[in-house]
Amino acid sequence: MSAFSYATMAATASRLLKRFGAKASISRIVDGSYDPATGNNPGGTQVFPTVAAIIDYEDRLVDGTMILRGDLRALMDPRVQPIQGDRLTWKGKSFAVISVKAVSPAGLVVLYDAQVRG
């Protein structure tokens, strides 16, 4: 019997997200370098393409403190790591990334499970 492959599991998760999810993008504000000529610190926004599926939280998980009514779960491709404070754009809607958990059995990220708020 062959050993279980988490890399294969990650590839399967990506394939399922592409099939059943939708194209999305993660926007992240980044600091720039100080420009002594202008006295400014021009930052910018980086945009990372990804794939996501967004689902509702189960009612039993909505506690009104950590998870608010209307918050959603975004299951995202593991190739782009979202962080708290990012913006997720999915199907024309923009969501704030509230928290992120990596689903990573044996240390290999299979997908990201993010709490998003629109």
PDB file of N, CA and C in Angstrom:
ATOM      1  N   MET A   1       0.844  -1.162   0.000  1.00  0.00           N
ATOM      2  CA  MET A   1       0.000   0.000   0.000  1.00  0.00           C
ATOM      3  C   MET A   1       0.900   1.239   0.000  1.00  0.00           C
ATOM      4  N   SER A   2       0.562   2.220  -0.814  1.00  0.00           N
ATOM      5  CA  SER A   2       1.386   3.429  -0.887  1.00  0.00           C
ATOM      6  C   SER A   2       1.046   4.378   0.259  1.00  0.00           C
ATOM      7  N   ALA A   3       1.993   5.237   0.589  1.00  0.00           N
ATOM      8  CA  ALA A   3       1.817   6.204   1.672  1.00  0.00           C
ATOM      9  C   ALA A   3       0.861   7.305   1.228  1.00  0.00           C
ATOM     10  N   PHE A   4       0.171   7.879   2.203  1.00  0.00           N
ATOM     11  CA  PHE A   4      -0.743   8.985   1.925  1.00  0.00           C
ATOM     12  C   PHE A   4       0.059  10.210   1.503  1.00  0.00           C
ATOM     13  N   SER A   5      -0.389  10.889   0.470  1.00  0.00           N
ATOM     14  CA  SER A   5       0.338  12.048  -0.053  1.00  0.00           C
ATOM     15  C   SER A   5      -0.447  13.332   0.198  1.00  0.00           C
ATOM     16  N   TYR A   6       0.062  14.179   1.098  1.00  0.00           N
ATOM     17  CA  TYR A   6      -0.579  15.468   1.355  1.00  0.00           C
ATOM     18  C   TYR A   6      -0.427  16.404   0.164  1.00  0.00           C
ATOM     19  N   ALA A   7       0.635  16.244  -0.606  1.00  0.00           N
ATOM     20  CA  ALA A   7       0.804  17.059  -1.813  1.00  0.00           C
ATOM     21  C   ALA A   7      -0.315  16.755  -2.810  1.00  0.00           C
ATOM     22  N   THR A   8      -0.678  15.483  -2.926  1.00  0.00           N
ATOM     23  CA  THR A   8      -1.785  15.099  -3.797  1.00  0.00           C
ATOM     24  C   THR A   8      -3.089  15.669  -3.264  1.00  0.00           C
ATOM     25  N   MET A   9      -3.245  15.654  -1.941  1.00  0.00           N
ATOM     26  CA  MET A   9      -4.444  16.211  -1.314  1.00  0.00           C
ATOM     27  C   MET A   9      -4.547  17.712  -1.596  1.00  0.00           C
ATOM     28  N   ALA A  10      -3.434  18.438  -1.526  1.00  0.00           N
ATOM     29  CA  ALA A  10      -3.421  19.875  -1.815  1.00  0.00           C
ATOM     30  C   ALA A  10      -3.783  20.126  -3.277  1.00  0.00           C
ATOM     31  N   ALA A  11      -3.257  19.314  -4.176  1.00  0.00           N
ATOM     32  CA  ALA A  11      -3.576  19.459  -5.601  1.00  0.00           C
ATOM     33  C   ALA A  11      -5.053  19.180  -5.854  1.00  0.00           C
ATOM     34  N   THR A  12      -5.607  18.197  -5.149  1.00  0.00           N
ATOM     35  CA  THR A  12      -7.030  17.887  -5.282  1.00  0.00           C
ATOM     36  C   THR A  12      -7.876  19.041  -4.773  1.00  0.00           C
ATOM     37  N   ALA A  13      -7.492  19.638  -3.648  1.00  0.00           N
ATOM     38  CA  ALA A  13      -8.220  20.793  -3.108  1.00  0.00           C
ATOM     39  C   ALA A  13      -8.207  21.940  -4.113  1.00  0.00           C
ATOM     40  N   SER A  14      -7.061  22.205  -4.718  1.00  0.00           N
ATOM     41  CA  SER A  14      -6.960  23.269  -5.729  1.00  0.00           C
ATOM     42  C   SER A  14      -7.854  22.972  -6.926  1.00  0.00           C
ATOM     43  N   ARG A  15      -7.840  21.737  -7.372  1.00  0.00           N
ATOM     44  CA  ARG A  15      -8.652  21.344  -8.519  1.00  0.00           C
ATOM     45  C   ARG A  15     -10.145  21.499  -8.210  1.00  0.00           C
ATOM     46  N   LEU A  16     -10.571  21.104  -7.001  1.00  0.00           N
ATOM     47  CA  LEU A  16     -11.980  21.234  -6.623  1.00  0.00           C
ATOM     48  C   LEU A  16     -12.392  22.699  -6.486  1.00  0.00           C
ATOM     49  N   LEU A  17     -11.496  23.527  -5.944  1.00  0.00           N
ATOM     50  CA  LEU A  17     -11.803  24.955  -5.845  1.00  0.00           C
ATOM     51  C   LEU A  17     -11.953  25.575  -7.235  1.00  0.00           C
ATOM     52  N   LYS A  18     -11.092  25.189  -8.163  1.00  0.00           N
ATOM     53  CA  LYS A  18     -11.206  25.710  -9.528  1.00  0.00           C
ATOM     54  C   LYS A  18     -12.519  25.274 -10.169  1.00  0.00           C
ATOM     55  N   ARG A  19     -12.933  24.054  -9.882  1.00  0.00           N
ATOM     56  CA  ARG A  19     -14.150  23.519 -10.496  1.00  0.00           C
ATOM     57  C   ARG A  19     -15.414  24.091  -9.869  1.00  0.00           C
ATOM     58  N   PHE A  20     -15.453  24.191  -8.537  1.00  0.00           N
ATOM     59  CA  PHE A  20     -16.680  24.585  -7.854  1.00  0.00           C
ATOM     60  C   PHE A  20     -16.644  25.995  -7.268  1.00  0.00           C
ATOM     61  N   GLY A  21     -15.466  26.589  -7.222  1.00  0.00           N
ATOM     62  CA  GLY A  21     -15.348  27.948  -6.712  1.00  0.00           C
ATOM     63  C   GLY A  21     -15.417  28.942  -7.859  1.00  0.00           C
ATOM     64  N   ALA A  22     -14.852  30.107  -7.623  1.00  0.00           N
ATOM     65  CA  ALA A  22     -14.831  31.147  -8.649  1.00  0.00           C
ATOM     66  C   ALA A  22     -13.520  31.916  -8.536  1.00  0.00           C
ATOM     67  N   LYS A  23     -13.141  32.561  -9.631  1.00  0.00           N
ATOM     68  CA  LYS A  23     -11.941  33.386  -9.601  1.00  0.00           C
ATOM     69  C   LYS A  23     -12.130  34.494  -8.577  1.00  0.00           C
ATOM     70  N   ALA A  24     -11.049  34.837  -7.918  1.00  0.00           N
ATOM     71  CA  ALA A  24     -11.081  35.876  -6.892  1.00  0.00           C
ATOM     72  C   ALA A  24      -9.738  36.585  -6.898  1.00  0.00           C
ATOM     73  N   SER A  25      -9.658  37.639  -6.110  1.00  0.00           N
ATOM     74  CA  SER A  25      -8.367  38.304  -5.947  1.00  0.00           C
ATOM     75  C   SER A  25      -8.233  38.785  -4.514  1.00  0.00           C
ATOM     76  N   ILE A  26      -7.001  38.794  -4.054  1.00  0.00           N
ATOM     77  CA  ILE A  26      -6.672  39.295  -2.726  1.00  0.00           C
ATOM     78  C   ILE A  26      -5.893  40.587  -2.922  1.00  0.00           C
ATOM     79  N   SER A  27      -6.374  41.667  -2.303  1.00  0.00           N
ATOM     80  CA  SER A  27      -5.696  42.965  -2.373  1.00  0.00           C
ATOM     81  C   SER A  27      -5.050  43.247  -1.031  1.00  0.00           C
ATOM     82  N   ARG A  28      -3.797  43.674  -1.099  1.00  0.00           N
ATOM     83  CA  ARG A  28      -3.031  43.935   0.125  1.00  0.00           C
ATOM     84  C   ARG A  28      -2.324  45.284  -0.001  1.00  0.00           C
ATOM     85  N   ILE A  29      -2.520  46.145   0.992  1.00  0.00           N
ATOM     86  CA  ILE A  29      -1.831  47.433   1.017  1.00  0.00           C
ATOM     87  C   ILE A  29      -0.428  47.202   1.552  1.00  0.00           C
ATOM     88  N   VAL A  30       0.552  47.704   0.814  1.00  0.00           N
ATOM     89  CA  VAL A  30       1.951  47.519   1.210  1.00  0.00           C
ATOM     90  C   VAL A  30       2.614  48.881   1.385  1.00  0.00           C
ATOM     91  N   ASP A  31       3.515  48.943   2.335  1.00  0.00           N
ATOM     92  CA  ASP A  31       4.280  50.167   2.562  1.00  0.00           C
ATOM     93  C   ASP A  31       5.357  50.287   1.502  1.00  0.00           C
ATOM     94  N   GLY A  32       5.640  51.522   1.144  1.00  0.00           N
ATOM     95  CA  GLY A  32       6.726  51.777   0.212  1.00  0.00           C
ATOM     96  C   GLY A  32       7.975  52.178   0.972  1.00  0.00           C
ATOM     97  N   SER A  33       8.975  52.550   0.250  1.00  0.00           N
ATOM     98  CA  SER A  33      10.227  53.021   0.843  1.00  0.00           C
ATOM     99  C   SER A  33      10.183  54.539   0.935  1.00  0.00           C
ATOM    100  N   TYR A  34      10.840  55.061   1.927  1.00  0.00           N
ATOM    101  CA  TYR A  34      10.906  56.509   2.101  1.00  0.00           C
ATOM    102  C   TYR A  34      11.664  57.126   0.936  1.00  0.00           C
ATOM    103  N   ASP A  35      11.059  58.147   0.332  1.00  0.00           N
ATOM    104  CA  ASP A  35      11.680  58.865  -0.779  1.00  0.00           C
ATOM    105  C   ASP A  35      12.144  60.227  -0.268  1.00  0.00           C
ATOM    106  N   PRO A  36      13.456  60.412  -0.060  1.00  0.00           N
ATOM    107  CA  PRO A  36      13.938  61.677   0.499  1.00  0.00           C
ATOM    108  C   PRO A  36      13.687  62.872  -0.418  1.00  0.00           C
ATOM    109  N   ALA A  37      13.556  62.650  -1.712  1.00  0.00           N
ATOM    110  CA  ALA A  37      13.313  63.753  -2.644  1.00  0.00           C
ATOM    111  C   ALA A  37      11.928  64.362  -2.444  1.00  0.00           C
ATOM    112  N   THR A  38      10.948  63.516  -2.121  1.00  0.00           N
ATOM    113  CA  THR A  38       9.578  64.014  -1.939  1.00  0.00           C
ATOM    114  C   THR A  38       9.169  64.060  -0.479  1.00  0.00           C
ATOM    115  N   GLY A  39       9.899  63.352   0.362  1.00  0.00           N
ATOM    116  CA  GLY A  39       9.529  63.281   1.774  1.00  0.00           C
ATOM    117  C   GLY A  39       8.357  62.356   2.032  1.00  0.00           C
ATOM    118  N   ASN A  40       7.976  61.575   1.039  1.00  0.00           N
ATOM    119  CA  ASN A  40       6.833  60.668   1.165  1.00  0.00           C
ATOM    120  C   ASN A  40       7.285  59.223   1.309  1.00  0.00           C
ATOM    121  N   ASN A  41       6.346  58.422   1.739  1.00  0.00           N
ATOM    122  CA  ASN A  41       6.540  56.985   1.843  1.00  0.00           C
ATOM    123  C   ASN A  41       5.470  56.338   0.965  1.00  0.00           C
ATOM    124  N   PRO A  42       5.634  56.423  -0.372  1.00  0.00           N
ATOM    125  CA  PRO A  42       4.562  55.966  -1.246  1.00  0.00           C
ATOM    126  C   PRO A  42       4.371  54.451  -1.182  1.00  0.00           C
ATOM    127  N   GLY A  43       3.231  54.071  -0.731  1.00  0.00           N
ATOM    128  CA  GLY A  43       2.884  52.654  -0.695  1.00  0.00           C
ATOM    129  C   GLY A  43       2.039  52.329  -1.910  1.00  0.00           C
ATOM    130  N   GLY A  44       1.470  51.184  -1.893  1.00  0.00           N
ATOM    131  CA  GLY A  44       0.626  50.773  -3.003  1.00  0.00           C
ATOM    132  C   GLY A  44      -0.215  49.583  -2.608  1.00  0.00           C
ATOM    133  N   THR A  45      -0.886  49.060  -3.577  1.00  0.00           N
ATOM    134  CA  THR A  45      -1.722  47.886  -3.364  1.00  0.00           C
ATOM    135  C   THR A  45      -1.227  46.770  -4.264  1.00  0.00           C
ATOM    136  N   GLN A  46      -0.976  45.620  -3.673  1.00  0.00           N
ATOM    137  CA  GLN A  46      -0.634  44.427  -4.449  1.00  0.00           C
ATOM    138  C   GLN A  46      -1.900  43.598  -4.599  1.00  0.00           C
ATOM    139  N   VAL A  47      -2.104  43.053  -5.782  1.00  0.00           N
ATOM    140  CA  VAL A  47      -3.272  42.219  -6.052  1.00  0.00           C
ATOM    141  C   VAL A  47      -2.780  40.839  -6.473  1.00  0.00           C
ATOM    142  N   PHE A  48      -3.311  39.820  -5.800  1.00  0.00           N
ATOM    143  CA  PHE A  48      -2.923  38.438  -6.067  1.00  0.00           C
ATOM    144  C   PHE A  48      -4.141  37.668  -6.575  1.00  0.00           C
ATOM    145  N   PRO A  49      -4.074  37.080  -7.768  1.00  0.00           N
ATOM    146  CA  PRO A  49      -5.194  36.264  -8.236  1.00  0.00           C
ATOM    147  C   PRO A  49      -5.253  34.953  -7.457  1.00  0.00           C
ATOM    148  N   THR A  50      -6.461  34.492  -7.205  1.00  0.00           N
ATOM    149  CA  THR A  50      -6.652  33.232  -6.494  1.00  0.00           C
ATOM    150  C   THR A  50      -7.991  32.640  -6.907  1.00  0.00           C
ATOM    151  N   VAL A  51      -8.369  31.566  -6.274  1.00  0.00           N
ATOM    152  CA  VAL A  51      -9.661  30.921  -6.480  1.00  0.00           C
ATOM    153  C   VAL A  51     -10.256  30.687  -5.105  1.00  0.00           C
ATOM    154  N   ALA A  52     -11.571  30.921  -4.980  1.00  0.00           N
ATOM    155  CA  ALA A  52     -12.203  30.754  -3.675  1.00  0.00           C
ATOM    156  C   ALA A  52     -13.624  30.225  -3.821  1.00  0.00           C
ATOM    157  N   ALA A  53     -14.076  29.594  -2.768  1.00  0.00           N
ATOM    158  CA  ALA A  53     -15.479  29.221  -2.616  1.00  0.00           C
ATOM    159  C   ALA A  53     -15.930  29.851  -1.309  1.00  0.00           C
ATOM    160  N   ILE A  54     -17.053  30.539  -1.331  1.00  0.00           N
ATOM    161  CA  ILE A  54     -17.543  31.208  -0.126  1.00  0.00           C
ATOM    162  C   ILE A  54     -18.814  30.519   0.327  1.00  0.00           C
ATOM    163  N   ILE A  55     -18.836  30.198   1.617  1.00  0.00           N
ATOM    164  CA  ILE A  55     -19.984  29.509   2.204  1.00  0.00           C
ATOM    165  C   ILE A  55     -20.378  30.197   3.506  1.00  0.00           C
ATOM    166  N   ASP A  56     -21.612  29.939   3.936  1.00  0.00           N
ATOM    167  CA  ASP A  56     -22.096  30.487   5.204  1.00  0.00           C
ATOM    168  C   ASP A  56     -21.519  29.707   6.374  1.00  0.00           C
ATOM    169  N   TYR A  57     -21.418  30.385   7.508  1.00  0.00           N
ATOM    170  CA  TYR A  57     -21.095  29.685   8.748  1.00  0.00           C
ATOM    171  C   TYR A  57     -22.346  28.969   9.241  1.00  0.00           C
ATOM    172  N   GLU A  58     -22.158  27.850   9.903  1.00  0.00           N
ATOM    173  CA  GLU A  58     -23.281  27.176  10.539  1.00  0.00           C
ATOM    174  C   GLU A  58     -23.787  28.076  11.658  1.00  0.00           C
ATOM    175  N   ASP A  59     -25.111  28.107  11.870  1.00  0.00           N
ATOM    176  CA  ASP A  59     -25.704  28.972  12.896  1.00  0.00           C
ATOM    177  C   ASP A  59     -25.080  28.761  14.265  1.00  0.00           C
ATOM    178  N   ARG A  60     -24.722  27.541  14.589  1.00  0.00           N
ATOM    179  CA  ARG A  60     -24.172  27.255  15.917  1.00  0.00           C
ATOM    180  C   ARG A  60     -22.807  27.917  16.131  1.00  0.00           C
ATOM    181  N   LEU A  61     -22.130  28.311  15.051  1.00  0.00           N
ATOM    182  CA  LEU A  61     -20.819  28.947  15.169  1.00  0.00           C
ATOM    183  C   LEU A  61     -20.897  30.469  15.293  1.00  0.00           C
ATOM    184  N   VAL A  62     -22.051  31.043  14.947  1.00  0.00           N
ATOM    185  CA  VAL A  62     -22.221  32.496  15.013  1.00  0.00           C
ATOM    186  C   VAL A  62     -22.505  32.861  16.463  1.00  0.00           C
ATOM    187  N   ASP A  63     -21.495  33.456  17.127  1.00  0.00           N
ATOM    188  CA  ASP A  63     -21.633  33.748  18.555  1.00  0.00           C
ATOM    189  C   ASP A  63     -21.804  35.231  18.858  1.00  0.00           C
ATOM    190  N   GLY A  64     -21.718  36.086  17.842  1.00  0.00           N
ATOM    191  CA  GLY A  64     -21.901  37.515  18.054  1.00  0.00           C
ATOM    192  C   GLY A  64     -20.672  38.223  18.589  1.00  0.00           C
ATOM    193  N   THR A  65     -19.593  37.490  18.832  1.00  0.00           N
ATOM    194  CA  THR A  65     -18.361  38.131  19.296  1.00  0.00           C
ATOM    195  C   THR A  65     -17.246  37.893  18.278  1.00  0.00           C
ATOM    196  N   MET A  66     -16.840  36.663  18.111  1.00  0.00           N
ATOM    197  CA  MET A  66     -15.792  36.345  17.134  1.00  0.00           C
ATOM    198  C   MET A  66     -16.376  36.256  15.718  1.00  0.00           C
ATOM    199  N   ILE A  67     -17.493  35.584  15.589  1.00  0.00           N
ATOM    200  CA  ILE A  67     -18.157  35.430  14.296  1.00  0.00           C
ATOM    201  C   ILE A  67     -19.502  36.133  14.389  1.00  0.00           C
ATOM    202  N   LEU A  68     -19.697  37.125  13.528  1.00  0.00           N
ATOM    203  CA  LEU A  68     -20.930  37.901  13.529  1.00  0.00           C
ATOM    204  C   LEU A  68     -21.888  37.370  12.474  1.00  0.00           C
ATOM    205  N   ARG A  69     -23.183  37.613  12.687  1.00  0.00           N
ATOM    206  CA  ARG A  69     -24.177  37.234  11.692  1.00  0.00           C
ATOM    207  C   ARG A  69     -23.812  37.950  10.391  1.00  0.00           C
ATOM    208  N   GLY A  70     -23.788  37.236   9.305  1.00  0.00           N
ATOM    209  CA  GLY A  70     -23.412  37.804   8.015  1.00  0.00           C
ATOM    210  C   GLY A  70     -21.973  37.514   7.616  1.00  0.00           C
ATOM    211  N   ASP A  71     -21.134  37.109   8.583  1.00  0.00           N
ATOM    212  CA  ASP A  71     -19.772  36.709   8.234  1.00  0.00           C
ATOM    213  C   ASP A  71     -19.830  35.439   7.393  1.00  0.00           C
ATOM    214  N   LEU A  72     -18.848  35.272   6.541  1.00  0.00           N
ATOM    215  CA  LEU A  72     -18.795  34.125   5.646  1.00  0.00           C
ATOM    216  C   LEU A  72     -17.440  33.445   5.752  1.00  0.00           C
ATOM    217  N   ARG A  73     -17.399  32.200   5.297  1.00  0.00           N
ATOM    218  CA  ARG A  73     -16.139  31.448   5.222  1.00  0.00           C
ATOM    219  C   ARG A  73     -15.686  31.445   3.774  1.00  0.00           C
ATOM    220  N   ALA A  74     -14.434  31.796   3.567  1.00  0.00           N
ATOM    221  CA  ALA A  74     -13.842  31.738   2.233  1.00  0.00           C
ATOM    222  C   ALA A  74     -12.789  30.639   2.241  1.00  0.00           C
ATOM    223  N   LEU A  75     -13.020  29.619   1.464  1.00  0.00           N
ATOM    224  CA  LEU A  75     -12.056  28.529   1.306  1.00  0.00           C
ATOM    225  C   LEU A  75     -11.235  28.869   0.074  1.00  0.00           C
ATOM    226  N   MET A  76      -9.917  29.038   0.274  1.00  0.00           N
ATOM    227  CA  MET A  76      -9.080  29.579  -0.793  1.00  0.00           C
ATOM    228  C   MET A  76      -7.917  28.673  -1.154  1.00  0.00           C
ATOM    229  N   ASP A  77      -7.533  28.779  -2.405  1.00  0.00           N
ATOM    230  CA  ASP A  77      -6.403  28.041  -2.952  1.00  0.00           C
ATOM    231  C   ASP A  77      -5.146  28.311  -2.119  1.00  0.00           C
ATOM    232  N   PRO A  78      -4.326  27.298  -1.886  1.00  0.00           N
ATOM    233  CA  PRO A  78      -3.167  27.466  -1.005  1.00  0.00           C
ATOM    234  C   PRO A  78      -1.986  28.222  -1.612  1.00  0.00           C
ATOM    235  N   ARG A  79      -2.048  28.575  -2.879  1.00  0.00           N
ATOM    236  CA  ARG A  79      -0.888  29.223  -3.500  1.00  0.00           C
ATOM    237  C   ARG A  79      -0.703  30.683  -3.092  1.00  0.00           C
ATOM    238  N   VAL A  80      -1.778  31.318  -2.589  1.00  0.00           N
ATOM    239  CA  VAL A  80      -1.681  32.698  -2.108  1.00  0.00           C
ATOM    240  C   VAL A  80      -2.154  32.714  -0.662  1.00  0.00           C
ATOM    241  N   GLN A  81      -1.292  33.153   0.238  1.00  0.00           N
ATOM    242  CA  GLN A  81      -1.645  33.180   1.654  1.00  0.00           C
ATOM    243  C   GLN A  81      -2.307  34.513   2.001  1.00  0.00           C
ATOM    244  N   PRO A  82      -3.611  34.482   2.331  1.00  0.00           N
ATOM    245  CA  PRO A  82      -4.260  35.716   2.767  1.00  0.00           C
ATOM    246  C   PRO A  82      -3.838  36.046   4.197  1.00  0.00           C
ATOM    247  N   ILE A  83      -3.882  37.331   4.543  1.00  0.00           N
ATOM    248  CA  ILE A  83      -3.587  37.735   5.914  1.00  0.00           C
ATOM    249  C   ILE A  83      -4.684  38.682   6.391  1.00  0.00           C
ATOM    250  N   GLN A  84      -4.810  38.777   7.691  1.00  0.00           N
ATOM    251  CA  GLN A  84      -5.796  39.668   8.282  1.00  0.00           C
ATOM    252  C   GLN A  84      -5.558  41.080   7.758  1.00  0.00           C
ATOM    253  N   GLY A  85      -6.636  41.751   7.347  1.00  0.00           N
ATOM    254  CA  GLY A  85      -6.532  43.096   6.806  1.00  0.00           C
ATOM    255  C   GLY A  85      -6.570  43.150   5.286  1.00  0.00           C
ATOM    256  N   ASP A  86      -6.372  42.010   4.619  1.00  0.00           N
ATOM    257  CA  ASP A  86      -6.496  41.965   3.163  1.00  0.00           C
ATOM    258  C   ASP A  86      -7.951  42.185   2.772  1.00  0.00           C
ATOM    259  N   ARG A  87      -8.169  42.435   1.483  1.00  0.00           N
ATOM    260  CA  ARG A  87      -9.513  42.489   0.911  1.00  0.00           C
ATOM    261  C   ARG A  87      -9.613  41.348  -0.092  1.00  0.00           C
ATOM    262  N   LEU A  88     -10.722  40.616  -0.029  1.00  0.00           N
ATOM    263  CA  LEU A  88     -10.991  39.538  -0.974  1.00  0.00           C
ATOM    264  C   LEU A  88     -12.099  40.011  -1.897  1.00  0.00           C
ATOM    265  N   THR A  89     -11.843  39.972  -3.199  1.00  0.00           N
ATOM    266  CA  THR A  89     -12.878  40.299  -4.176  1.00  0.00           C
ATOM    267  C   THR A  89     -13.288  38.997  -4.838  1.00  0.00           C
ATOM    268  N   TRP A  90     -14.582  38.712  -4.773  1.00  0.00           N
ATOM    269  CA  TRP A  90     -15.122  37.444  -5.267  1.00  0.00           C
ATOM    270  C   TRP A  90     -16.482  37.718  -5.885  1.00  0.00           C
ATOM    271  N   LYS A  91     -16.661  37.355  -7.134  1.00  0.00           N
ATOM    272  CA  LYS A  91     -17.920  37.555  -7.854  1.00  0.00           C
ATOM    273  C   LYS A  91     -18.405  38.998  -7.744  1.00  0.00           C
ATOM    274  N   GLY A  92     -17.480  39.942  -7.874  1.00  0.00           N
ATOM    275  CA  GLY A  92     -17.829  41.357  -7.863  1.00  0.00           C
ATOM    276  C   GLY A  92     -18.079  41.964  -6.496  1.00  0.00           C
ATOM    277  N   LYS A  93     -17.953  41.175  -5.447  1.00  0.00           N
ATOM    278  CA  LYS A  93     -18.164  41.680  -4.088  1.00  0.00           C
ATOM    279  C   LYS A  93     -16.834  41.742  -3.360  1.00  0.00           C
ATOM    280  N   SER A  94     -16.712  42.735  -2.488  1.00  0.00           N
ATOM    281  CA  SER A  94     -15.477  42.908  -1.731  1.00  0.00           C
ATOM    282  C   SER A  94     -15.719  42.566  -0.264  1.00  0.00           C
ATOM    283  N   PHE A  95     -14.803  41.816   0.306  1.00  0.00           N
ATOM    284  CA  PHE A  95     -14.904  41.375   1.694  1.00  0.00           C
ATOM    285  C   PHE A  95     -13.608  41.694   2.429  1.00  0.00           C
ATOM    286  N   ALA A  96     -13.728  42.066   3.690  1.00  0.00           N
ATOM    287  CA  ALA A  96     -12.554  42.248   4.546  1.00  0.00           C
ATOM    288  C   ALA A  96     -12.170  40.890   5.117  1.00  0.00           C
ATOM    289  N   VAL A  97     -10.887  40.579   5.100  1.00  0.00           N
ATOM    290  CA  VAL A  97     -10.405  39.336   5.696  1.00  0.00           C
ATOM    291  C   VAL A  97     -10.218  39.591   7.191  1.00  0.00           C
ATOM    292  N   ILE A  98     -10.993  38.888   8.005  1.00  0.00           N
ATOM    293  CA  ILE A  98     -10.995  39.072   9.457  1.00  0.00           C
ATOM    294  C   ILE A  98      -9.976  38.160  10.125  1.00  0.00           C
ATOM    295  N   SER A  99      -9.982  36.900   9.756  1.00  0.00           N
ATOM    296  CA  SER A  99      -9.016  35.947  10.305  1.00  0.00           C
ATOM    297  C   SER A  99      -8.769  34.849   9.279  1.00  0.00           C
ATOM    298  N   VAL A 100      -7.634  34.182   9.435  1.00  0.00           N
ATOM    299  CA  VAL A 100      -7.241  33.141   8.480  1.00  0.00           C
ATOM    300  C   VAL A 100      -6.671  31.957   9.235  1.00  0.00           C
ATOM    301  N   LYS A 101      -7.098  30.765   8.831  1.00  0.00           N
ATOM    302  CA  LYS A 101      -6.508  29.532   9.347  1.00  0.00           C
ATOM    303  C   LYS A 101      -6.010  28.724   8.156  1.00  0.00           C
ATOM    304  N   ALA A 102      -4.805  28.233   8.277  1.00  0.00           N
ATOM    305  CA  ALA A 102      -4.279  27.332   7.252  1.00  0.00           C
ATOM    306  C   ALA A 102      -4.701  25.916   7.619  1.00  0.00           C
ATOM    307  N   VAL A 103      -5.292  25.220   6.674  1.00  0.00           N
ATOM    308  CA  VAL A 103      -5.585  23.801   6.862  1.00  0.00           C
ATOM    309  C   VAL A 103      -4.328  23.095   6.382  1.00  0.00           C
ATOM    310  N   SER A 104      -3.539  22.615   7.346  1.00  0.00           N
ATOM    311  CA  SER A 104      -2.214  22.103   6.988  1.00  0.00           C
ATOM    312  C   SER A 104      -1.843  20.845   7.759  1.00  0.00           C
ATOM    313  N   PRO A 105      -2.456  19.722   7.395  1.00  0.00           N
ATOM    314  CA  PRO A 105      -2.040  18.479   8.023  1.00  0.00           C
ATOM    315  C   PRO A 105      -0.596  18.166   7.632  1.00  0.00           C
ATOM    316  N   ALA A 106       0.153  17.722   8.566  1.00  0.00           N
ATOM    317  CA  ALA A 106       1.561  17.351   8.341  1.00  0.00           C
ATOM    318  C   ALA A 106       2.400  18.522   7.835  1.00  0.00           C
ATOM    319  N   GLY A 107       1.945  19.757   8.104  1.00  0.00           N
ATOM    320  CA  GLY A 107       2.733  20.934   7.760  1.00  0.00           C
ATOM    321  C   GLY A 107       2.625  21.415   6.326  1.00  0.00           C
ATOM    322  N   LEU A 108       1.831  20.767   5.496  1.00  0.00           N
ATOM    323  CA  LEU A 108       1.650  21.190   4.113  1.00  0.00           C
ATOM    324  C   LEU A 108       0.285  21.854   3.984  1.00  0.00           C
ATOM    325  N   VAL A 109       0.256  23.123   3.574  1.00  0.00           N
ATOM    326  CA  VAL A 109      -1.017  23.845   3.457  1.00  0.00           C
ATOM    327  C   VAL A 109      -1.825  23.260   2.306  1.00  0.00           C
ATOM    328  N   VAL A 110      -3.040  22.802   2.635  1.00  0.00           N
ATOM    329  CA  VAL A 110      -3.950  22.225   1.656  1.00  0.00           C
ATOM    330  C   VAL A 110      -4.892  23.305   1.131  1.00  0.00           C
ATOM    331  N   LEU A 111      -5.356  24.179   2.029  1.00  0.00           N
ATOM    332  CA  LEU A 111      -6.170  25.326   1.655  1.00  0.00           C
ATOM    333  C   LEU A 111      -6.198  26.304   2.813  1.00  0.00           C
ATOM    334  N   TYR A 112      -6.669  27.517   2.537  1.00  0.00           N
ATOM    335  CA  TYR A 112      -6.844  28.519   3.587  1.00  0.00           C
ATOM    336  C   TYR A 112      -8.327  28.685   3.850  1.00  0.00           C
ATOM    337  N   ASP A 113      -8.675  28.732   5.125  1.00  0.00           N
ATOM    338  CA  ASP A 113     -10.047  28.919   5.582  1.00  0.00           C
ATOM    339  C   ASP A 113     -10.090  30.290   6.251  1.00  0.00           C
ATOM    340  N   ALA A 114     -10.704  31.267   5.582  1.00  0.00           N
ATOM    341  CA  ALA A 114     -10.710  32.638   6.088  1.00  0.00           C
ATOM    342  C   ALA A 114     -12.115  33.068   6.482  1.00  0.00           C
ATOM    343  N   GLN A 115     -12.184  33.826   7.551  1.00  0.00           N
ATOM    344  CA  GLN A 115     -13.426  34.484   7.946  1.00  0.00           C
ATOM    345  C   GLN A 115     -13.433  35.829   7.235  1.00  0.00           C
ATOM    346  N   VAL A 116     -14.491  36.091   6.457  1.00  0.00           N
ATOM    347  CA  VAL A 116     -14.580  37.352   5.727  1.00  0.00           C
ATOM    348  C   VAL A 116     -15.876  38.063   6.084  1.00  0.00           C
ATOM    349  N   ARG A 117     -15.826  39.387   5.955  1.00  0.00           N
ATOM    350  CA  ARG A 117     -16.980  40.216   6.319  1.00  0.00           C
ATOM    351  C   ARG A 117     -17.199  41.220   5.197  1.00  0.00           C
ATOM    352  N   GLY A 118     -18.438  41.290   4.721  1.00  0.00           N
ATOM    353  CA  GLY A 118     -18.738  42.199   3.618  1.00  0.00           C
ATOM    354  C   GLY A 118     -19.615  43.274   4.061  1.00  0.00           C
TER     355      GLY A 118
END
